[in-house]
Protein backbone atom coordinates (compact mmCIF):
# COMPACT_ATOMS: atom_id res chain seq x y z
CA MET A 1 -9.35 27.07 13.46
CA SER A 2 -6.01 27.00 14.55
CA THR A 3 -2.89 26.26 11.89
CA LEU A 4 -2.08 23.14 13.76
CA SER A 5 -5.56 21.39 13.82
CA ARG A 6 -6.07 22.51 9.87
CA SER A 7 -2.49 20.70 9.68
CA VAL A 8 -3.61 17.50 11.57
CA ARG A 9 -6.84 17.44 9.69
CA THR A 10 -5.29 18.07 6.26
CA LYS A 11 -2.42 15.80 6.61
CA HIS A 12 -5.17 12.77 7.41
CA THR A 13 -7.23 13.58 4.42
CA ILE A 14 -4.77 14.32 1.69
CA GLY A 15 -1.27 12.76 2.64
CA ILE A 16 1.51 14.49 4.63
CA GLU A 17 3.53 15.62 1.46
CA ASN A 18 0.64 17.59 0.13
CA ALA A 19 -0.43 18.91 3.56
CA GLU A 20 2.89 20.51 3.83
CA ARG A 21 2.95 22.13 0.43
CA ILE A 22 -0.77 23.43 1.27
CA ASP A 23 0.40 24.64 4.72
CA ARG A 24 2.96 26.62 3.01
CA TRP A 25 0.70 28.02 0.08
CA PRO A 26 -0.57 31.34 1.91
CA ARG A 27 2.93 32.24 2.76
CA GLU A 28 4.44 31.26 -0.67
CA ARG A 29 2.00 32.95 -2.70
CA GLY A 30 1.24 36.09 -0.77
CA GLY A 31 -1.63 38.19 -0.85
CA ARG A 32 -4.62 38.36 0.85
CA LEU A 33 -8.36 39.31 -0.59
CA THR A 34 -8.77 43.06 -0.10
CA SER A 35 -11.44 44.07 -2.33
CA ILE A 36 -14.02 42.92 -4.88
CA SER A 37 -15.14 45.03 -7.69
CA ILE A 38 -17.73 44.35 -10.77
CA THR A 39 -16.65 45.74 -14.30
CA SER A 40 -19.17 48.16 -16.12
CA ASP A 41 -19.13 45.05 -18.82
CA GLY A 42 -20.26 42.57 -15.88
CA PHE A 43 -17.30 40.77 -14.72
CA VAL A 44 -16.02 40.30 -10.95
CA ILE A 45 -12.59 41.01 -10.23
CA ALA A 46 -10.63 40.39 -7.00
CA GLY A 47 -7.90 42.98 -5.64
CA SER A 48 -5.28 41.29 -3.28
CA THR A 49 -2.10 42.36 -1.25
CA ALA A 50 0.25 40.19 -3.79
CA SER A 51 3.33 41.93 -4.70
CA ASP A 52 2.32 42.17 -8.46
CA GLY A 53 -0.79 44.84 -7.42
CA GLY A 54 -2.99 43.10 -10.42
CA GLY A 55 -6.42 41.90 -9.68
CA ALA A 56 -7.57 38.32 -10.44
CA PHE A 57 -10.56 37.52 -12.66
CA ILE A 58 -13.11 35.71 -10.65
CA GLY A 59 -15.96 35.44 -13.25
CA GLY A 60 -19.36 36.97 -14.41
CA ALA A 61 -21.26 38.83 -12.16
CA SER A 62 -24.36 37.33 -13.05
CA ASP A 63 -23.06 34.14 -11.29
CA LEU A 64 -22.23 36.19 -8.41
CA ASP A 65 -25.57 37.72 -8.30
CA ARG A 66 -27.33 34.54 -8.73
CA ASN A 67 -25.31 32.72 -6.01
CA LEU A 68 -25.71 35.63 -3.48
CA SER A 69 -29.69 35.49 -4.20
CA ASP A 70 -29.38 31.62 -3.75
CA LEU A 71 -27.25 31.76 -0.40
CA LEU A 72 -29.77 34.50 0.73
CA ASN A 73 -32.82 32.17 0.20
CA VAL A 74 -31.17 29.61 1.89
CA LEU A 75 -30.41 31.19 5.20
CA LYS A 76 -33.76 32.35 5.39
CA LEU A 77 -32.51 35.64 7.13
CA THR A 78 -35.08 38.23 8.73
CA LYS A 79 -35.64 41.54 7.02
CA ALA A 80 -33.21 43.15 9.50
CA GLU A 81 -30.41 40.59 8.57
CA THR A 82 -30.87 40.97 4.83
CA ALA A 83 -30.91 44.66 5.04
CA ALA A 84 -27.72 44.39 7.10
CA PHE A 85 -26.09 42.14 4.31
CA ARG A 86 -27.14 44.70 1.81
CA ARG A 87 -25.66 47.34 3.54
CA VAL A 88 -22.24 45.47 3.87
CA TYR A 89 -22.28 44.25 0.16
CA VAL A 90 -22.83 48.16 -1.31
CA ALA A 91 -20.03 49.18 1.35
CA ARG A 92 -17.55 46.52 0.33
CA VAL A 93 -18.23 45.80 -3.33
CA ARG A 94 -17.48 48.25 -5.73
CA ASP A 95 -20.31 47.74 -8.53
CA TRP A 96 -19.48 49.61 -11.68
CA ARG A 97 -22.52 48.46 -13.35
CA GLY A 98 -24.47 51.55 -11.93
CA THR A 99 -26.99 49.02 -10.51
CA VAL A 100 -27.31 47.09 -7.22
CA VAL A 101 -28.54 43.67 -7.68
CA VAL A 102 -28.50 42.05 -4.67
């Protein structure tokens, strides 16, 4: 979706003043999601390109596991699609628990 169409839709639904702040938000706050790590004690941390270099606490790994499982069930993926998802998950998510739950 283009920035312009997002701006028009957003301004229509939440008001021009708030929409203008939202349109600036990614640039003002900086940072983009770069990584997801699951700590050995079962918490999810997101890395970003933010200038502080710190990660953001997302929540419990059990919630992530359950949400991904529910998502895969709803999508009704083929075995090949599920295998492809798992390969991407293992390649992109650093799981320090020592087990792959997905």
